[in-house]
Amino acid sequence: MSSTSRHLRDHAGALRRAADRLTLLRLRLSNTIGDVSGSEDPTARRIGEETHERWSTREYAELGRIVTGMRSSAAQLEEIATATERSAGRRLGGYAGAGFL
């Protein structure tokens, strides 16, 4: 594997890991906001409900778009790395273990 394709694949992996972390953060924030919205304290509940309204209509969706973009970029980098390897004759495609059949 050339250093260029290795760097592309490394970057794609970093994007996927970052998307995974952002997805987990998004879930944790959603759970926390939901917990506050269900609070017995009326002031906390009101703040939680207001936060939930904004979170649901804006931030949650925007973070979802960012995660989708990161995953899409990672897939594109993988495709470019594969094309680079094929053009250099380093990768023939197909099943990776086919040579061992």
N, C-alpha and C. Protein backbone atom coordinates (compact mmCIF):
# COMPACT_ATOMS: atom_id res chain seq x y z
N MET A 1 0.86 -1.16 0.00
CA MET A 1 0.00 0.00 0.00
C MET A 1 0.91 1.23 0.00
N SER A 2 0.62 2.18 -0.89
CA SER A 2 1.42 3.39 -0.97
C SER A 2 1.16 4.27 0.24
N SER A 3 2.10 5.18 0.48
CA SER A 3 1.92 6.06 1.64
C SER A 3 0.71 6.97 1.45
N THR A 4 0.42 7.35 0.19
CA THR A 4 -0.74 8.20 -0.07
C THR A 4 -2.03 7.47 0.29
N SER A 5 -2.17 6.24 -0.19
CA SER A 5 -3.40 5.50 0.11
C SER A 5 -3.48 5.18 1.60
N ARG A 6 -2.35 4.92 2.23
CA ARG A 6 -2.35 4.66 3.67
C ARG A 6 -2.82 5.90 4.43
N HIS A 7 -2.33 7.08 4.03
CA HIS A 7 -2.76 8.32 4.68
C HIS A 7 -4.25 8.57 4.46
N LEU A 8 -4.73 8.28 3.25
CA LEU A 8 -6.15 8.46 2.97
C LEU A 8 -6.99 7.53 3.85
N ARG A 9 -6.56 6.28 3.95
CA ARG A 9 -7.29 5.32 4.78
C ARG A 9 -7.21 5.69 6.27
N ASP A 10 -6.04 6.17 6.70
CA ASP A 10 -5.92 6.61 8.09
C ASP A 10 -6.86 7.78 8.38
N HIS A 11 -6.92 8.72 7.45
CA HIS A 11 -7.81 9.86 7.62
C HIS A 11 -9.28 9.42 7.61
N ALA A 12 -9.61 8.50 6.73
CA ALA A 12 -10.98 7.97 6.69
C ALA A 12 -11.33 7.31 8.02
N GLY A 13 -10.40 6.56 8.57
CA GLY A 13 -10.63 5.92 9.86
C GLY A 13 -10.83 6.94 10.97
N ALA A 14 -10.03 8.00 10.93
CA ALA A 14 -10.17 9.07 11.93
C ALA A 14 -11.54 9.74 11.81
N LEU A 15 -12.00 9.95 10.58
CA LEU A 15 -13.33 10.54 10.39
C LEU A 15 -14.42 9.64 10.93
N ARG A 16 -14.31 8.34 10.68
CA ARG A 16 -15.31 7.40 11.19
C ARG A 16 -15.32 7.37 12.72
N ARG A 17 -14.14 7.37 13.33
CA ARG A 17 -14.08 7.37 14.80
C ARG A 17 -14.66 8.66 15.36
N ALA A 18 -14.36 9.79 14.73
CA ALA A 18 -14.91 11.07 15.18
C ALA A 18 -16.43 11.08 15.04
N ALA A 19 -16.94 10.52 13.94
CA ALA A 19 -18.39 10.44 13.75
C ALA A 19 -19.02 9.57 14.83
N ASP A 20 -18.36 8.48 15.18
CA ASP A 20 -18.86 7.61 16.25
C ASP A 20 -18.91 8.36 17.58
N ARG A 21 -17.85 9.11 17.89
CA ARG A 21 -17.81 9.87 19.14
C ARG A 21 -18.89 10.94 19.17
N LEU A 22 -19.07 11.62 18.05
CA LEU A 22 -20.08 12.67 17.98
C LEU A 22 -21.48 12.07 18.12
N THR A 23 -21.69 10.90 17.55
CA THR A 23 -22.98 10.22 17.68
C THR A 23 -23.25 9.87 19.15
N LEU A 24 -22.23 9.38 19.85
CA LEU A 24 -22.40 9.06 21.27
C LEU A 24 -22.66 10.32 22.10
N LEU A 25 -21.95 11.39 21.80
CA LEU A 25 -22.17 12.65 22.50
C LEU A 25 -23.59 13.15 22.27
N ARG A 26 -24.05 13.06 21.03
CA ARG A 26 -25.41 13.48 20.68
C ARG A 26 -26.44 12.67 21.48
N LEU A 27 -26.22 11.39 21.59
CA LEU A 27 -27.13 10.53 22.36
C LEU A 27 -27.11 10.88 23.84
N ARG A 28 -25.91 11.09 24.38
CA ARG A 28 -25.81 11.43 25.80
C ARG A 28 -26.49 12.76 26.10
N LEU A 29 -26.28 13.74 25.23
CA LEU A 29 -26.94 15.04 25.42
C LEU A 29 -28.45 14.89 25.35
N SER A 30 -28.93 14.11 24.40
CA SER A 30 -30.38 13.88 24.29
C SER A 30 -30.94 13.26 25.56
N ASN A 31 -30.23 12.27 26.08
CA ASN A 31 -30.69 11.61 27.32
C ASN A 31 -30.69 12.58 28.49
N THR A 32 -29.65 13.40 28.58
CA THR A 32 -29.56 14.36 29.69
C THR A 32 -30.67 15.40 29.59
N ILE A 33 -30.89 15.91 28.39
CA ILE A 33 -31.96 16.90 28.20
C ILE A 33 -33.31 16.27 28.55
N GLY A 34 -33.51 15.02 28.14
CA GLY A 34 -34.75 14.32 28.48
C GLY A 34 -34.92 14.15 29.97
N ASP A 35 -33.82 13.84 30.66
CA ASP A 35 -33.88 13.69 32.12
C ASP A 35 -34.27 15.01 32.79
N VAL A 36 -33.68 16.11 32.33
CA VAL A 36 -33.98 17.41 32.92
C VAL A 36 -35.43 17.78 32.61
N SER A 37 -35.90 17.45 31.42
CA SER A 37 -37.29 17.76 31.04
C SER A 37 -38.30 17.02 31.92
N GLY A 38 -37.88 15.91 32.46
CA GLY A 38 -38.77 15.13 33.32
C GLY A 38 -38.53 15.37 34.80
N SER A 39 -37.81 16.40 35.13
CA SER A 39 -37.47 16.70 36.52
C SER A 39 -38.72 17.04 37.34
N GLU A 40 -38.65 16.73 38.62
CA GLU A 40 -39.74 17.07 39.52
C GLU A 40 -39.72 18.56 39.87
N ASP A 41 -38.55 19.17 39.78
CA ASP A 41 -38.42 20.60 40.07
C ASP A 41 -39.00 21.39 38.90
N PRO A 42 -40.02 22.20 39.14
CA PRO A 42 -40.68 22.92 38.05
C PRO A 42 -39.74 23.83 37.25
N THR A 43 -38.81 24.48 37.92
CA THR A 43 -37.87 25.37 37.22
C THR A 43 -36.95 24.56 36.30
N ALA A 44 -36.41 23.48 36.83
CA ALA A 44 -35.54 22.62 36.02
C ALA A 44 -36.32 22.02 34.86
N ARG A 45 -37.55 21.59 35.13
CA ARG A 45 -38.38 21.00 34.08
C ARG A 45 -38.66 22.00 32.96
N ARG A 46 -38.97 23.25 33.33
CA ARG A 46 -39.23 24.30 32.34
C ARG A 46 -37.98 24.54 31.49
N ILE A 47 -36.84 24.65 32.14
CA ILE A 47 -35.58 24.85 31.41
C ILE A 47 -35.32 23.65 30.49
N GLY A 48 -35.55 22.45 31.01
CA GLY A 48 -35.35 21.24 30.20
C GLY A 48 -36.28 21.20 29.00
N GLU A 49 -37.52 21.60 29.19
CA GLU A 49 -38.48 21.60 28.08
C GLU A 49 -38.10 22.63 27.02
N GLU A 50 -37.66 23.81 27.46
CA GLU A 50 -37.22 24.84 26.51
C GLU A 50 -35.98 24.37 25.74
N THR A 51 -35.06 23.77 26.48
CA THR A 51 -33.84 23.26 25.85
C THR A 51 -34.19 22.14 24.88
N HIS A 52 -35.11 21.27 25.27
CA HIS A 52 -35.51 20.15 24.42
C HIS A 52 -36.11 20.66 23.11
N GLU A 53 -36.93 21.69 23.20
CA GLU A 53 -37.55 22.25 21.99
C GLU A 53 -36.49 22.72 21.01
N ARG A 54 -35.55 23.49 21.50
CA ARG A 54 -34.49 24.00 20.62
C ARG A 54 -33.61 22.85 20.13
N TRP A 55 -33.24 21.94 21.03
CA TRP A 55 -32.38 20.81 20.70
C TRP A 55 -33.01 19.95 19.60
N SER A 56 -34.28 19.69 19.74
CA SER A 56 -34.98 18.82 18.78
C SER A 56 -35.10 19.45 17.40
N THR A 57 -35.30 20.74 17.37
CA THR A 57 -35.53 21.39 16.07
C THR A 57 -34.26 21.89 15.40
N ARG A 58 -33.20 22.08 16.16
CA ARG A 58 -31.98 22.65 15.56
C ARG A 58 -30.75 21.79 15.74
N GLU A 59 -30.22 21.77 16.94
CA GLU A 59 -28.91 21.17 17.17
C GLU A 59 -28.87 19.67 16.87
N TYR A 60 -29.89 18.94 17.29
CA TYR A 60 -29.90 17.49 17.07
C TYR A 60 -29.80 17.18 15.58
N ALA A 61 -30.61 17.87 14.79
CA ALA A 61 -30.59 17.65 13.34
C ALA A 61 -29.27 18.08 12.73
N GLU A 62 -28.73 19.20 13.18
CA GLU A 62 -27.46 19.68 12.62
C GLU A 62 -26.31 18.72 12.94
N LEU A 63 -26.27 18.21 14.15
CA LEU A 63 -25.24 17.22 14.48
C LEU A 63 -25.41 15.96 13.64
N GLY A 64 -26.63 15.58 13.37
CA GLY A 64 -26.88 14.43 12.49
C GLY A 64 -26.34 14.67 11.09
N ARG A 65 -26.53 15.87 10.57
CA ARG A 65 -25.99 16.21 9.25
C ARG A 65 -24.46 16.18 9.24
N ILE A 66 -23.87 16.67 10.32
CA ILE A 66 -22.41 16.66 10.41
C ILE A 66 -21.88 15.23 10.43
N VAL A 67 -22.51 14.37 11.22
CA VAL A 67 -22.09 12.96 11.30
C VAL A 67 -22.23 12.30 9.93
N THR A 68 -23.34 12.54 9.26
CA THR A 68 -23.55 11.96 7.93
C THR A 68 -22.47 12.44 6.96
N GLY A 69 -22.14 13.72 7.02
CA GLY A 69 -21.09 14.26 6.16
C GLY A 69 -19.74 13.65 6.44
N MET A 70 -19.43 13.43 7.71
CA MET A 70 -18.16 12.81 8.07
C MET A 70 -18.08 11.37 7.55
N ARG A 71 -19.17 10.64 7.70
CA ARG A 71 -19.18 9.25 7.20
C ARG A 71 -19.09 9.21 5.67
N SER A 72 -19.75 10.14 5.02
CA SER A 72 -19.69 10.22 3.57
C SER A 72 -18.28 10.56 3.10
N SER A 73 -17.64 11.49 3.78
CA SER A 73 -16.26 11.85 3.44
C SER A 73 -15.32 10.68 3.64
N ALA A 74 -15.53 9.92 4.71
CA ALA A 74 -14.70 8.74 4.96
C ALA A 74 -14.86 7.73 3.83
N ALA A 75 -16.08 7.52 3.39
CA ALA A 75 -16.32 6.57 2.29
C ALA A 75 -15.66 7.06 1.00
N GLN A 76 -15.72 8.35 0.75
CA GLN A 76 -15.08 8.90 -0.45
C GLN A 76 -13.57 8.74 -0.39
N LEU A 77 -12.98 8.97 0.78
CA LEU A 77 -11.54 8.78 0.92
C LEU A 77 -11.14 7.33 0.68
N GLU A 78 -11.95 6.41 1.18
CA GLU A 78 -11.68 4.98 0.93
C GLU A 78 -11.73 4.67 -0.56
N GLU A 79 -12.71 5.23 -1.26
CA GLU A 79 -12.82 5.02 -2.70
C GLU A 79 -11.62 5.58 -3.43
N ILE A 80 -11.17 6.76 -3.03
CA ILE A 80 -10.01 7.38 -3.67
C ILE A 80 -8.76 6.55 -3.40
N ALA A 81 -8.61 6.05 -2.18
CA ALA A 81 -7.46 5.20 -1.85
C ALA A 81 -7.46 3.93 -2.70
N THR A 82 -8.62 3.33 -2.85
CA THR A 82 -8.73 2.11 -3.68
C THR A 82 -8.40 2.42 -5.13
N ALA A 83 -8.93 3.52 -5.66
CA ALA A 83 -8.64 3.91 -7.04
C ALA A 83 -7.16 4.18 -7.23
N THR A 84 -6.53 4.82 -6.25
CA THR A 84 -5.09 5.10 -6.32
C THR A 84 -4.30 3.80 -6.35
N GLU A 85 -4.67 2.87 -5.51
CA GLU A 85 -3.98 1.58 -5.48
C GLU A 85 -4.17 0.82 -6.79
N ARG A 86 -5.37 0.86 -7.34
CA ARG A 86 -5.63 0.15 -8.59
C ARG A 86 -4.86 0.78 -9.75
N SER A 87 -4.81 2.11 -9.79
CA SER A 87 -4.10 2.78 -10.89
C SER A 87 -2.60 2.53 -10.82
N ALA A 88 -2.10 2.27 -9.61
CA ALA A 88 -0.67 1.97 -9.45
C ALA A 88 -0.40 0.48 -9.60
N GLY A 89 -1.44 -0.31 -9.83
CA GLY A 89 -1.28 -1.75 -9.99
C GLY A 89 -1.03 -2.48 -8.69
N ARG A 90 -1.29 -1.84 -7.58
CA ARG A 90 -1.06 -2.45 -6.27
C ARG A 90 -2.28 -3.20 -5.76
N ARG A 91 -3.42 -2.95 -6.36
CA ARG A 91 -4.64 -3.60 -5.90
C ARG A 91 -5.44 -3.99 -7.13
N LEU A 92 -5.82 -5.25 -7.19
CA LEU A 92 -6.56 -5.73 -8.34
C LEU A 92 -8.05 -5.78 -8.08
N GLY A 93 -8.46 -5.59 -6.86
CA GLY A 93 -9.88 -5.60 -6.53
C GLY A 93 -10.37 -6.99 -6.22
N GLY A 94 -11.65 -7.08 -5.95
CA GLY A 94 -12.24 -8.37 -5.65
C GLY A 94 -11.99 -8.81 -4.22
N TYR A 95 -12.23 -10.06 -3.98
CA TYR A 95 -12.08 -10.63 -2.65
C TYR A 95 -10.61 -10.64 -2.24
N ALA A 96 -10.32 -10.08 -1.09
CA ALA A 96 -8.94 -9.92 -0.65
C ALA A 96 -8.23 -11.26 -0.48
N GLY A 97 -8.95 -12.30 -0.12
CA GLY A 97 -8.32 -13.59 0.12
C GLY A 97 -8.37 -14.53 -1.09
N ALA A 98 -8.77 -14.03 -2.25
CA ALA A 98 -8.96 -14.89 -3.42
C ALA A 98 -7.68 -15.60 -3.83
N GLY A 99 -6.55 -14.98 -3.59
CA GLY A 99 -5.27 -15.61 -3.96
C GLY A 99 -4.97 -16.85 -3.16
N PHE A 100 -5.69 -17.04 -2.08
CA PHE A 100 -5.44 -18.19 -1.22
C PHE A 100 -6.42 -19.33 -1.43
N LEU A 101 -7.31 -19.20 -2.41
CA LEU A 101 -8.30 -20.26 -2.66
C LEU A 101 -7.66 -21.43 -3.36
